[in-house]
Amino acid sequence: MDHEQFLAVREGENIFLFSGCSHKGIVA
């Protein structure tokens, strides 16, 4: 699953994590 990637966005002090399926695990 090296082709899996997430999107992370910083808005002020907030970090938004967008993950499609988390095949590597959401904790990872």
mmCIF file of all heavy atoms, coordinates in Angstrom:
data_MODEL
# 
_entry.id   MODEL 
# 
loop_
_atom_site.group_PDB 
_atom_site.id 
_atom_site.type_symbol 
_atom_site.label_atom_id 
_atom_site.label_alt_id 
_atom_site.label_comp_id 
_atom_site.label_asym_id 
_atom_site.label_entity_id 
_atom_site.label_seq_id 
_atom_site.pdbx_PDB_ins_code 
_atom_site.Cartn_x 
_atom_site.Cartn_y 
_atom_site.Cartn_z 
_atom_site.occupancy 
_atom_site.B_iso_or_equiv 
_atom_site.pdbx_formal_charge 
_atom_site.auth_seq_id 
_atom_site.auth_comp_id 
_atom_site.auth_asym_id 
_atom_site.auth_atom_id 
_atom_site.pdbx_PDB_model_num 
ATOM 1   N N   . MET A 1 1  ? 0.821   -1.213 0.000  1.00 0.00 ? 1  MET A N   1 
ATOM 2   C CA  . MET A 1 1  ? 0.000   0.000  0.000  1.00 0.00 ? 1  MET A CA  1 
ATOM 3   C C   . MET A 1 1  ? 0.852   1.260  0.000  1.00 0.00 ? 1  MET A C   1 
ATOM 4   O O   . MET A 1 1  ? 0.487   2.282  0.591  1.00 0.00 ? 1  MET A O   1 
ATOM 5   C CB  . MET A 1 1  ? -0.968  0.009  1.189  1.00 0.00 ? 1  MET A CB  1 
ATOM 6   C CG  . MET A 1 1  ? -2.062  -1.053 1.135  1.00 0.00 ? 1  MET A CG  1 
ATOM 7   S SD  . MET A 1 1  ? -3.083  -1.001 -0.363 1.00 0.00 ? 1  MET A SD  1 
ATOM 8   C CE  . MET A 1 1  ? -3.759  0.651  -0.290 1.00 0.00 ? 1  MET A CE  1 
ATOM 9   N N   . ASP A 1 2  ? 1.993   1.204  -0.699 1.00 0.00 ? 2  ASP A N   1 
ATOM 10  C CA  . ASP A 1 2  ? 2.833   2.396  -0.794 1.00 0.00 ? 2  ASP A CA  1 
ATOM 11  C C   . ASP A 1 2  ? 2.190   3.469  -1.654 1.00 0.00 ? 2  ASP A C   1 
ATOM 12  O O   . ASP A 1 2  ? 2.623   4.632  -1.659 1.00 0.00 ? 2  ASP A O   1 
ATOM 13  C CB  . ASP A 1 2  ? 4.227   2.049  -1.321 1.00 0.00 ? 2  ASP A CB  1 
ATOM 14  C CG  . ASP A 1 2  ? 4.200   1.470  -2.733 1.00 0.00 ? 2  ASP A CG  1 
ATOM 15  O OD1 . ASP A 1 2  ? 3.106   1.130  -3.239 1.00 0.00 ? 2  ASP A OD1 1 
ATOM 16  O OD2 . ASP A 1 2  ? 5.286   1.356  -3.340 1.00 0.00 ? 2  ASP A OD2 1 
ATOM 17  N N   . HIS A 1 3  ? 1.120   3.112  -2.385 1.00 0.00 ? 3  HIS A N   1 
ATOM 18  C CA  . HIS A 1 3  ? 0.428   4.090  -3.233 1.00 0.00 ? 3  HIS A CA  1 
ATOM 19  C C   . HIS A 1 3  ? -0.657  4.852  -2.477 1.00 0.00 ? 3  HIS A C   1 
ATOM 20  O O   . HIS A 1 3  ? -1.293  5.734  -3.027 1.00 0.00 ? 3  HIS A O   1 
ATOM 21  C CB  . HIS A 1 3  ? -0.184  3.391  -4.456 1.00 0.00 ? 3  HIS A CB  1 
ATOM 22  C CG  . HIS A 1 3  ? -1.092  2.245  -4.128 1.00 0.00 ? 3  HIS A CG  1 
ATOM 23  N ND1 . HIS A 1 3  ? -2.460  2.347  -4.121 1.00 0.00 ? 3  HIS A ND1 1 
ATOM 24  C CD2 . HIS A 1 3  ? -0.815  0.962  -3.792 1.00 0.00 ? 3  HIS A CD2 1 
ATOM 25  C CE1 . HIS A 1 3  ? -2.993  1.181  -3.804 1.00 0.00 ? 3  HIS A CE1 1 
ATOM 26  N NE2 . HIS A 1 3  ? -2.008  0.323  -3.602 1.00 0.00 ? 3  HIS A NE2 1 
ATOM 27  N N   . GLU A 1 4  ? -0.875  4.489  -1.211 1.00 0.00 ? 4  GLU A N   1 
ATOM 28  C CA  . GLU A 1 4  ? -1.884  5.200  -0.418 1.00 0.00 ? 4  GLU A CA  1 
ATOM 29  C C   . GLU A 1 4  ? -1.288  6.475  0.172  1.00 0.00 ? 4  GLU A C   1 
ATOM 30  O O   . GLU A 1 4  ? -0.151  6.490  0.668  1.00 0.00 ? 4  GLU A O   1 
ATOM 31  C CB  . GLU A 1 4  ? -2.400  4.319  0.717  1.00 0.00 ? 4  GLU A CB  1 
ATOM 32  C CG  . GLU A 1 4  ? -3.500  5.000  1.505  1.00 0.00 ? 4  GLU A CG  1 
ATOM 33  C CD  . GLU A 1 4  ? -4.061  4.120  2.605  1.00 0.00 ? 4  GLU A CD  1 
ATOM 34  O OE1 . GLU A 1 4  ? -3.262  3.515  3.357  1.00 0.00 ? 4  GLU A OE1 1 
ATOM 35  O OE2 . GLU A 1 4  ? -5.288  4.048  2.719  1.00 0.00 ? 4  GLU A OE2 1 
ATOM 36  N N   . GLN A 1 5  ? -2.062  7.548  0.101  1.00 0.00 ? 5  GLN A N   1 
ATOM 37  C CA  . GLN A 1 5  ? -1.627  8.837  0.658  1.00 0.00 ? 5  GLN A CA  1 
ATOM 38  C C   . GLN A 1 5  ? -2.838  9.567  1.223  1.00 0.00 ? 5  GLN A C   1 
ATOM 39  O O   . GLN A 1 5  ? -3.972  9.348  0.796  1.00 0.00 ? 5  GLN A O   1 
ATOM 40  C CB  . GLN A 1 5  ? -0.927  9.677  -0.410 1.00 0.00 ? 5  GLN A CB  1 
ATOM 41  C CG  . GLN A 1 5  ? -1.714  9.866  -1.694 1.00 0.00 ? 5  GLN A CG  1 
ATOM 42  C CD  . GLN A 1 5  ? -0.877  10.445 -2.823 1.00 0.00 ? 5  GLN A CD  1 
ATOM 43  O OE1 . GLN A 1 5  ? 0.347   10.581 -2.740 1.00 0.00 ? 5  GLN A OE1 1 
ATOM 44  N NE2 . GLN A 1 5  ? -1.535  10.826 -3.906 1.00 0.00 ? 5  GLN A NE2 1 
ATOM 45  N N   . PHE A 1 6  ? -2.572  10.410 2.207  1.00 0.00 ? 6  PHE A N   1 
ATOM 46  C CA  . PHE A 1 6  ? -3.647  11.211 2.777  1.00 0.00 ? 6  PHE A CA  1 
ATOM 47  C C   . PHE A 1 6  ? -3.416  12.681 2.463  1.00 0.00 ? 6  PHE A C   1 
ATOM 48  O O   . PHE A 1 6  ? -2.356  13.079 1.974  1.00 0.00 ? 6  PHE A O   1 
ATOM 49  C CB  . PHE A 1 6  ? -3.769  10.987 4.292  1.00 0.00 ? 6  PHE A CB  1 
ATOM 50  C CG  . PHE A 1 6  ? -2.535  11.332 5.101  1.00 0.00 ? 6  PHE A CG  1 
ATOM 51  C CD1 . PHE A 1 6  ? -2.175  12.647 5.350  1.00 0.00 ? 6  PHE A CD1 1 
ATOM 52  C CD2 . PHE A 1 6  ? -1.729  10.324 5.633  1.00 0.00 ? 6  PHE A CD2 1 
ATOM 53  C CE1 . PHE A 1 6  ? -1.048  12.970 6.105  1.00 0.00 ? 6  PHE A CE1 1 
ATOM 54  C CE2 . PHE A 1 6  ? -0.608  10.623 6.386  1.00 0.00 ? 6  PHE A CE2 1 
ATOM 55  C CZ  . PHE A 1 6  ? -0.265  11.946 6.618  1.00 0.00 ? 6  PHE A CZ  1 
ATOM 56  N N   . LEU A 1 7  ? -4.429  13.463 2.755  1.00 0.00 ? 7  LEU A N   1 
ATOM 57  C CA  . LEU A 1 7  ? -4.353  14.916 2.645  1.00 0.00 ? 7  LEU A CA  1 
ATOM 58  C C   . LEU A 1 7  ? -4.472  15.491 4.042  1.00 0.00 ? 7  LEU A C   1 
ATOM 59  O O   . LEU A 1 7  ? -5.355  15.099 4.805  1.00 0.00 ? 7  LEU A O   1 
ATOM 60  C CB  . LEU A 1 7  ? -5.503  15.430 1.764  1.00 0.00 ? 7  LEU A CB  1 
ATOM 61  C CG  . LEU A 1 7  ? -5.680  16.946 1.656  1.00 0.00 ? 7  LEU A CG  1 
ATOM 62  C CD1 . LEU A 1 7  ? -4.555  17.563 0.821  1.00 0.00 ? 7  LEU A CD1 1 
ATOM 63  C CD2 . LEU A 1 7  ? -7.040  17.274 1.020  1.00 0.00 ? 7  LEU A CD2 1 
ATOM 64  N N   . ALA A 1 8  ? -3.570  16.389 4.399  1.00 0.00 ? 8  ALA A N   1 
ATOM 65  C CA  . ALA A 1 8  ? -3.640  17.055 5.698  1.00 0.00 ? 8  ALA A CA  1 
ATOM 66  C C   . ALA A 1 8  ? -3.623  18.567 5.479  1.00 0.00 ? 8  ALA A C   1 
ATOM 67  O O   . ALA A 1 8  ? -2.826  19.076 4.683  1.00 0.00 ? 8  ALA A O   1 
ATOM 68  C CB  . ALA A 1 8  ? -2.481  16.641 6.600  1.00 0.00 ? 8  ALA A CB  1 
ATOM 69  N N   . VAL A 1 9  ? -4.521  19.241 6.172  1.00 0.00 ? 9  VAL A N   1 
ATOM 70  C CA  . VAL A 1 9  ? -4.692  20.684 5.997  1.00 0.00 ? 9  VAL A CA  1 
ATOM 71  C C   . VAL A 1 9  ? -4.660  21.358 7.356  1.00 0.00 ? 9  VAL A C   1 
ATOM 72  O O   . VAL A 1 9  ? -5.364  20.936 8.288  1.00 0.00 ? 9  VAL A O   1 
ATOM 73  C CB  . VAL A 1 9  ? -6.033  21.003 5.296  1.00 0.00 ? 9  VAL A CB  1 
ATOM 74  C CG1 . VAL A 1 9  ? -6.183  22.513 5.111  1.00 0.00 ? 9  VAL A CG1 1 
ATOM 75  C CG2 . VAL A 1 9  ? -6.132  20.283 3.953  1.00 0.00 ? 9  VAL A CG2 1 
ATOM 76  N N   . ARG A 1 10 ? -3.848  22.401 7.454  1.00 0.00 ? 10 ARG A N   1 
ATOM 77  C CA  . ARG A 1 10 ? -3.802  23.206 8.684  1.00 0.00 ? 10 ARG A CA  1 
ATOM 78  C C   . ARG A 1 10 ? -4.641  24.468 8.488  1.00 0.00 ? 10 ARG A C   1 
ATOM 79  O O   . ARG A 1 10 ? -4.427  25.232 7.552  1.00 0.00 ? 10 ARG A O   1 
ATOM 80  C CB  . ARG A 1 10 ? -2.362  23.576 9.026  1.00 0.00 ? 10 ARG A CB  1 
ATOM 81  C CG  . ARG A 1 10 ? -2.241  24.491 10.244 1.00 0.00 ? 10 ARG A CG  1 
ATOM 82  C CD  . ARG A 1 10 ? -0.798  24.617 10.699 1.00 0.00 ? 10 ARG A CD  1 
ATOM 83  N NE  . ARG A 1 10 ? 0.077   25.043 9.617  1.00 0.00 ? 10 ARG A NE  1 
ATOM 84  C CZ  . ARG A 1 10 ? 1.407   24.934 9.637  1.00 0.00 ? 10 ARG A CZ  1 
ATOM 85  N NH1 . ARG A 1 10 ? 1.996   24.404 10.693 1.00 0.00 ? 10 ARG A NH1 1 
ATOM 86  N NH2 . ARG A 1 10 ? 2.132   25.347 8.620  1.00 0.00 ? 10 ARG A NH2 1 
ATOM 87  N N   . GLU A 1 11 ? -5.617  24.642 9.374  1.00 0.00 ? 11 GLU A N   1 
ATOM 88  C CA  . GLU A 1 11 ? -6.434  25.862 9.381  1.00 0.00 ? 11 GLU A CA  1 
ATOM 89  C C   . GLU A 1 11 ? -6.335  26.449 10.780 1.00 0.00 ? 11 GLU A C   1 
ATOM 90  O O   . GLU A 1 11 ? -6.929  25.927 11.721 1.00 0.00 ? 11 GLU A O   1 
ATOM 91  C CB  . GLU A 1 11 ? -7.881  25.544 9.029  1.00 0.00 ? 11 GLU A CB  1 
ATOM 92  C CG  . GLU A 1 11 ? -8.088  25.109 7.587  1.00 0.00 ? 11 GLU A CG  1 
ATOM 93  C CD  . GLU A 1 11 ? -8.711  26.205 6.725  1.00 0.00 ? 11 GLU A CD  1 
ATOM 94  O OE1 . GLU A 1 11 ? -9.628  26.894 7.187  1.00 0.00 ? 11 GLU A OE1 1 
ATOM 95  O OE2 . GLU A 1 11 ? -8.254  26.366 5.578  1.00 0.00 ? 11 GLU A OE2 1 
ATOM 96  N N   . GLY A 1 12 ? -5.544  27.509 10.938 1.00 0.00 ? 12 GLY A N   1 
ATOM 97  C CA  . GLY A 1 12 ? -5.298  28.050 12.264 1.00 0.00 ? 12 GLY A CA  1 
ATOM 98  C C   . GLY A 1 12 ? -4.574  27.015 13.101 1.00 0.00 ? 12 GLY A C   1 
ATOM 99  O O   . GLY A 1 12 ? -3.520  26.509 12.722 1.00 0.00 ? 12 GLY A O   1 
ATOM 100 N N   . GLU A 1 13 ? -5.148  26.654 14.254 1.00 0.00 ? 13 GLU A N   1 
ATOM 101 C CA  . GLU A 1 13 ? -4.549  25.640 15.122 1.00 0.00 ? 13 GLU A CA  1 
ATOM 102 C C   . GLU A 1 13 ? -5.102  24.245 14.835 1.00 0.00 ? 13 GLU A C   1 
ATOM 103 O O   . GLU A 1 13 ? -4.709  23.274 15.486 1.00 0.00 ? 13 GLU A O   1 
ATOM 104 C CB  . GLU A 1 13 ? -4.790  26.008 16.585 1.00 0.00 ? 13 GLU A CB  1 
ATOM 105 C CG  . GLU A 1 13 ? -4.116  27.317 17.010 1.00 0.00 ? 13 GLU A CG  1 
ATOM 106 C CD  . GLU A 1 13 ? -4.338  27.629 18.472 1.00 0.00 ? 13 GLU A CD  1 
ATOM 107 O OE1 . GLU A 1 13 ? -5.110  26.879 19.123 1.00 0.00 ? 13 GLU A OE1 1 
ATOM 108 O OE2 . GLU A 1 13 ? -3.754  28.609 18.975 1.00 0.00 ? 13 GLU A OE2 1 
ATOM 109 N N   . ASN A 1 14 ? -6.007  24.147 13.877 1.00 0.00 ? 14 ASN A N   1 
ATOM 110 C CA  . ASN A 1 14 ? -6.652  22.868 13.574 1.00 0.00 ? 14 ASN A CA  1 
ATOM 111 C C   . ASN A 1 14 ? -5.929  22.133 12.454 1.00 0.00 ? 14 ASN A C   1 
ATOM 112 O O   . ASN A 1 14 ? -5.561  22.731 11.444 1.00 0.00 ? 14 ASN A O   1 
ATOM 113 C CB  . ASN A 1 14 ? -8.108  23.091 13.156 1.00 0.00 ? 14 ASN A CB  1 
ATOM 114 C CG  . ASN A 1 14 ? -8.953  23.698 14.267 1.00 0.00 ? 14 ASN A CG  1 
ATOM 115 O OD1 . ASN A 1 14 ? -8.835  23.299 15.428 1.00 0.00 ? 14 ASN A OD1 1 
ATOM 116 N ND2 . ASN A 1 14 ? -9.794  24.652 13.930 1.00 0.00 ? 14 ASN A ND2 1 
ATOM 117 N N   . ILE A 1 15 ? -5.720  20.838 12.631 1.00 0.00 ? 15 ILE A N   1 
ATOM 118 C CA  . ILE A 1 15 ? -5.183  19.982 11.585 1.00 0.00 ? 15 ILE A CA  1 
ATOM 119 C C   . ILE A 1 15 ? -6.287  19.022 11.148 1.00 0.00 ? 15 ILE A C   1 
ATOM 120 O O   . ILE A 1 15 ? -6.768  18.206 11.949 1.00 0.00 ? 15 ILE A O   1 
ATOM 121 C CB  . ILE A 1 15 ? -3.956  19.184 12.052 1.00 0.00 ? 15 ILE A CB  1 
ATOM 122 C CG1 . ILE A 1 15 ? -2.859  20.119 12.572 1.00 0.00 ? 15 ILE A CG1 1 
ATOM 123 C CG2 . ILE A 1 15 ? -3.428  18.320 10.900 1.00 0.00 ? 15 ILE A CG2 1 
ATOM 124 C CD1 . ILE A 1 15 ? -2.283  21.048 11.541 1.00 0.00 ? 15 ILE A CD1 1 
ATOM 125 N N   . PHE A 1 16 ? -6.697  19.134 9.901  1.00 0.00 ? 16 PHE A N   1 
ATOM 126 C CA  . PHE A 1 16 ? -7.693  18.254 9.318  1.00 0.00 ? 16 PHE A CA  1 
ATOM 127 C C   . PHE A 1 16 ? -6.968  17.130 8.582  1.00 0.00 ? 16 PHE A C   1 
ATOM 128 O O   . PHE A 1 16 ? -6.130  17.386 7.720  1.00 0.00 ? 16 PHE A O   1 
ATOM 129 C CB  . PHE A 1 16 ? -8.566  19.014 8.319  1.00 0.00 ? 16 PHE A CB  1 
ATOM 130 C CG  . PHE A 1 16 ? -9.500  20.028 8.923  1.00 0.00 ? 16 PHE A CG  1 
ATOM 131 C CD1 . PHE A 1 16 ? -9.019  21.257 9.381  1.00 0.00 ? 16 PHE A CD1 1 
ATOM 132 C CD2 . PHE A 1 16 ? -10.859 19.769 9.017  1.00 0.00 ? 16 PHE A CD2 1 
ATOM 133 C CE1 . PHE A 1 16 ? -9.875  22.202 9.921  1.00 0.00 ? 16 PHE A CE1 1 
ATOM 134 C CE2 . PHE A 1 16 ? -11.725 20.707 9.565  1.00 0.00 ? 16 PHE A CE2 1 
ATOM 135 C CZ  . PHE A 1 16 ? -11.231 21.929 10.011 1.00 0.00 ? 16 PHE A CZ  1 
ATOM 136 N N   . LEU A 1 17 ? -7.310  15.892 8.902  1.00 0.00 ? 17 LEU A N   1 
ATOM 137 C CA  . LEU A 1 17 ? -6.742  14.730 8.239  1.00 0.00 ? 17 LEU A CA  1 
ATOM 138 C C   . LEU A 1 17 ? -7.818  14.068 7.386  1.00 0.00 ? 17 LEU A C   1 
ATOM 139 O O   . LEU A 1 17 ? -8.867  13.669 7.897  1.00 0.00 ? 17 LEU A O   1 
ATOM 140 C CB  . LEU A 1 17 ? -6.216  13.733 9.274  1.00 0.00 ? 17 LEU A CB  1 
ATOM 141 C CG  . LEU A 1 17 ? -5.755  12.375 8.742  1.00 0.00 ? 17 LEU A CG  1 
ATOM 142 C CD1 . LEU A 1 17 ? -4.580  12.520 7.797  1.00 0.00 ? 17 LEU A CD1 1 
ATOM 143 C CD2 . LEU A 1 17 ? -5.407  11.438 9.899  1.00 0.00 ? 17 LEU A CD2 1 
ATOM 144 N N   . PHE A 1 18 ? -7.561  13.964 6.083  1.00 0.00 ? 18 PHE A N   1 
ATOM 145 C CA  . PHE A 1 18 ? -8.478  13.320 5.148  1.00 0.00 ? 18 PHE A CA  1 
ATOM 146 C C   . PHE A 1 18 ? -7.813  12.037 4.637  1.00 0.00 ? 18 PHE A C   1 
ATOM 147 O O   . PHE A 1 18 ? -6.744  12.090 4.033  1.00 0.00 ? 18 PHE A O   1 
ATOM 148 C CB  . PHE A 1 18 ? -8.793  14.242 3.970  1.00 0.00 ? 18 PHE A CB  1 
ATOM 149 C CG  . PHE A 1 18 ? -9.483  15.527 4.359  1.00 0.00 ? 18 PHE A CG  1 
ATOM 150 C CD1 . PHE A 1 18 ? -8.740  16.679 4.598  1.00 0.00 ? 18 PHE A CD1 1 
ATOM 151 C CD2 . PHE A 1 18 ? -10.864 15.580 4.479  1.00 0.00 ? 18 PHE A CD2 1 
ATOM 152 C CE1 . PHE A 1 18 ? -9.366  17.874 4.952  1.00 0.00 ? 18 PHE A CE1 1 
ATOM 153 C CE2 . PHE A 1 18 ? -11.502 16.763 4.832  1.00 0.00 ? 18 PHE A CE2 1 
ATOM 154 C CZ  . PHE A 1 18 ? -10.750 17.911 5.072  1.00 0.00 ? 18 PHE A CZ  1 
ATOM 155 N N   . SER A 1 19 ? -8.451  10.916 4.882  1.00 0.00 ? 19 SER A N   1 
ATOM 156 C CA  . SER A 1 19 ? -7.905  9.628  4.454  1.00 0.00 ? 19 SER A CA  1 
ATOM 157 C C   . SER A 1 19 ? -8.997  8.844  3.734  1.00 0.00 ? 19 SER A C   1 
ATOM 158 O O   . SER A 1 19 ? -10.116 8.719  4.243  1.00 0.00 ? 19 SER A O   1 
ATOM 159 C CB  . SER A 1 19 ? -7.390  8.837  5.661  1.00 0.00 ? 19 SER A CB  1 
ATOM 160 O OG  . SER A 1 19 ? -6.886  7.583  5.260  1.00 0.00 ? 19 SER A OG  1 
ATOM 161 N N   . GLY A 1 20 ? -8.667  8.315  2.552  1.00 0.00 ? 20 GLY A N   1 
ATOM 162 C CA  . GLY A 1 20 ? -9.680  7.645  1.749  1.00 0.00 ? 20 GLY A CA  1 
ATOM 163 C C   . GLY A 1 20 ? -10.138 6.328  2.334  1.00 0.00 ? 20 GLY A C   1 
ATOM 164 O O   . GLY A 1 20 ? -11.334 6.093  2.531  1.00 0.00 ? 20 GLY A O   1 
ATOM 165 N N   . CYS A 1 21 ? -9.198  5.425  2.623  1.00 0.00 ? 21 CYS A N   1 
ATOM 166 C CA  . CYS A 1 21 ? -9.540  4.111  3.176  1.00 0.00 ? 21 CYS A CA  1 
ATOM 167 C C   . CYS A 1 21 ? -8.669  3.713  4.358  1.00 0.00 ? 21 CYS A C   1 
ATOM 168 O O   . CYS A 1 21 ? -9.000  2.771  5.071  1.00 0.00 ? 21 CYS A O   1 
ATOM 169 C CB  . CYS A 1 21 ? -9.404  3.021  2.103  1.00 0.00 ? 21 CYS A CB  1 
ATOM 170 S SG  . CYS A 1 21 ? -10.922 2.715  1.164  1.00 0.00 ? 21 CYS A SG  1 
ATOM 171 N N   . SER A 1 22 ? -7.557  4.376  4.554  1.00 0.00 ? 22 SER A N   1 
ATOM 172 C CA  . SER A 1 22 ? -6.648  4.052  5.668  1.00 0.00 ? 22 SER A CA  1 
ATOM 173 C C   . SER A 1 22 ? -6.227  2.590  5.640  1.00 0.00 ? 22 SER A C   1 
ATOM 174 O O   . SER A 1 22 ? -6.226  1.905  6.656  1.00 0.00 ? 22 SER A O   1 
ATOM 175 C CB  . SER A 1 22 ? -7.301  4.378  7.022  1.00 0.00 ? 22 SER A CB  1 
ATOM 176 O OG  . SER A 1 22 ? -7.815  5.679  7.047  1.00 0.00 ? 22 SER A OG  1 
ATOM 177 N N   . HIS A 1 23 ? -5.864  2.100  4.444  1.00 0.00 ? 23 HIS A N   1 
ATOM 178 C CA  . HIS A 1 23 ? -5.409  0.715  4.342  1.00 0.00 ? 23 HIS A CA  1 
ATOM 179 C C   . HIS A 1 23 ? -4.128  0.480  5.144  1.00 0.00 ? 23 HIS A C   1 
ATOM 180 O O   . HIS A 1 23 ? -3.845  -0.647 5.560  1.00 0.00 ? 23 HIS A O   1 
ATOM 181 C CB  . HIS A 1 23 ? -5.178  0.341  2.881  1.00 0.00 ? 23 HIS A CB  1 
ATOM 182 C CG  . HIS A 1 23 ? -6.435  0.193  2.093  1.00 0.00 ? 23 HIS A CG  1 
ATOM 183 N ND1 . HIS A 1 23 ? -7.366  -0.783 2.355  1.00 0.00 ? 23 HIS A ND1 1 
ATOM 184 C CD2 . HIS A 1 23 ? -6.923  0.899  1.039  1.00 0.00 ? 23 HIS A CD2 1 
ATOM 185 C CE1 . HIS A 1 23 ? -8.372  -0.676 1.491  1.00 0.00 ? 23 HIS A CE1 1 
ATOM 186 N NE2 . HIS A 1 23 ? -8.127  0.333  0.689  1.00 0.00 ? 23 HIS A NE2 1 
ATOM 187 N N   . LYS A 1 24 ? -3.347  1.519  5.353  1.00 0.00 ? 24 LYS A N   1 
ATOM 188 C CA  . LYS A 1 24 ? -2.160  1.401  6.206  1.00 0.00 ? 24 LYS A CA  1 
ATOM 189 C C   . LYS A 1 24 ? -2.523  1.527  7.686  1.00 0.00 ? 24 LYS A C   1 
ATOM 190 O O   . LYS A 1 24 ? -1.680  1.345  8.553  1.00 0.00 ? 24 LYS A O   1 
ATOM 191 C CB  . LYS A 1 24 ? -1.142  2.490  5.848  1.00 0.00 ? 24 LYS A CB  1 
ATOM 192 C CG  . LYS A 1 24 ? -0.530  2.356  4.464  1.00 0.00 ? 24 LYS A CG  1 
ATOM 193 C CD  . LYS A 1 24 ? 0.557   1.294  4.431  1.00 0.00 ? 24 LYS A CD  1 
ATOM 194 C CE  . LYS A 1 24 ? 1.820   1.794  5.104  1.00 0.00 ? 24 LYS A CE  1 
ATOM 195 N NZ  . LYS A 1 24 ? 2.952   0.857  4.895  1.00 0.00 ? 24 LYS A NZ  1 
ATOM 196 N N   . GLY A 1 25 ? -3.784  1.863  7.938  1.00 0.00 ? 25 GLY A N   1 
ATOM 197 C CA  . GLY A 1 25 ? -4.257  2.068  9.300  1.00 0.00 ? 25 GLY A CA  1 
ATOM 198 C C   . GLY A 1 25 ? -4.412  3.554  9.589  1.00 0.00 ? 25 GLY A C   1 
ATOM 199 O O   . GLY A 1 25 ? -3.532  4.356  9.259  1.00 0.00 ? 25 GLY A O   1 
ATOM 200 N N   . ILE A 1 26 ? -5.535  3.925  10.189 1.00 0.00 ? 26 ILE A N   1 
ATOM 201 C CA  . ILE A 1 26 ? -5.760  5.338  10.478 1.00 0.00 ? 26 ILE A CA  1 
ATOM 202 C C   . ILE A 1 26 ? -4.744  5.856  11.495 1.00 0.00 ? 26 ILE A C   1 
ATOM 203 O O   . ILE A 1 26 ? -4.346  7.027  11.455 1.00 0.00 ? 26 ILE A O   1 
ATOM 204 C CB  . ILE A 1 26 ? -7.209  5.586  10.976 1.00 0.00 ? 26 ILE A CB  1 
ATOM 205 C CG1 . ILE A 1 26 ? -7.495  7.085  11.096 1.00 0.00 ? 26 ILE A CG1 1 
ATOM 206 C CG2 . ILE A 1 26 ? -7.470  4.855  12.284 1.00 0.00 ? 26 ILE A CG2 1 
ATOM 207 C CD1 . ILE A 1 26 ? -7.358  7.863  9.822  1.00 0.00 ? 26 ILE A CD1 1 
ATOM 208 N N   . VAL A 1 27 ? -4.272  4.981  12.392 1.00 0.00 ? 27 VAL A N   1 
ATOM 209 C CA  . VAL A 1 27 ? -3.275  5.426  13.369 1.00 0.00 ? 27 VAL A CA  1 
ATOM 210 C C   . VAL A 1 27 ? -1.964  5.764  12.659 1.00 0.00 ? 27 VAL A C   1 
ATOM 211 O O   . VAL A 1 27 ? -1.313  6.770  12.982 1.00 0.00 ? 27 VAL A O   1 
ATOM 212 C CB  . VAL A 1 27 ? -3.064  4.362  14.452 1.00 0.00 ? 27 VAL A CB  1 
ATOM 213 C CG1 . VAL A 1 27 ? -1.894  4.744  15.369 1.00 0.00 ? 27 VAL A CG1 1 
ATOM 214 C CG2 . VAL A 1 27 ? -4.333  4.179  15.272 1.00 0.00 ? 27 VAL A CG2 1 
ATOM 215 N N   . ALA A 1 28 ? -1.572  4.955  11.678 1.00 0.00 ? 28 ALA A N   1 
ATOM 216 C CA  . ALA A 1 28 ? -0.361  5.246  10.913 1.00 0.00 ? 28 ALA A CA  1 
ATOM 217 C C   . ALA A 1 28 ? -0.488  6.601  10.217 1.00 0.00 ? 28 ALA A C   1 
ATOM 218 O O   . ALA A 1 28 ? 0.465   7.396  10.202 1.00 0.00 ? 28 ALA A O   1 
ATOM 219 C CB  . ALA A 1 28 ? -0.103  4.146  9.887  1.00 0.00 ? 28 ALA A CB  1 
# 
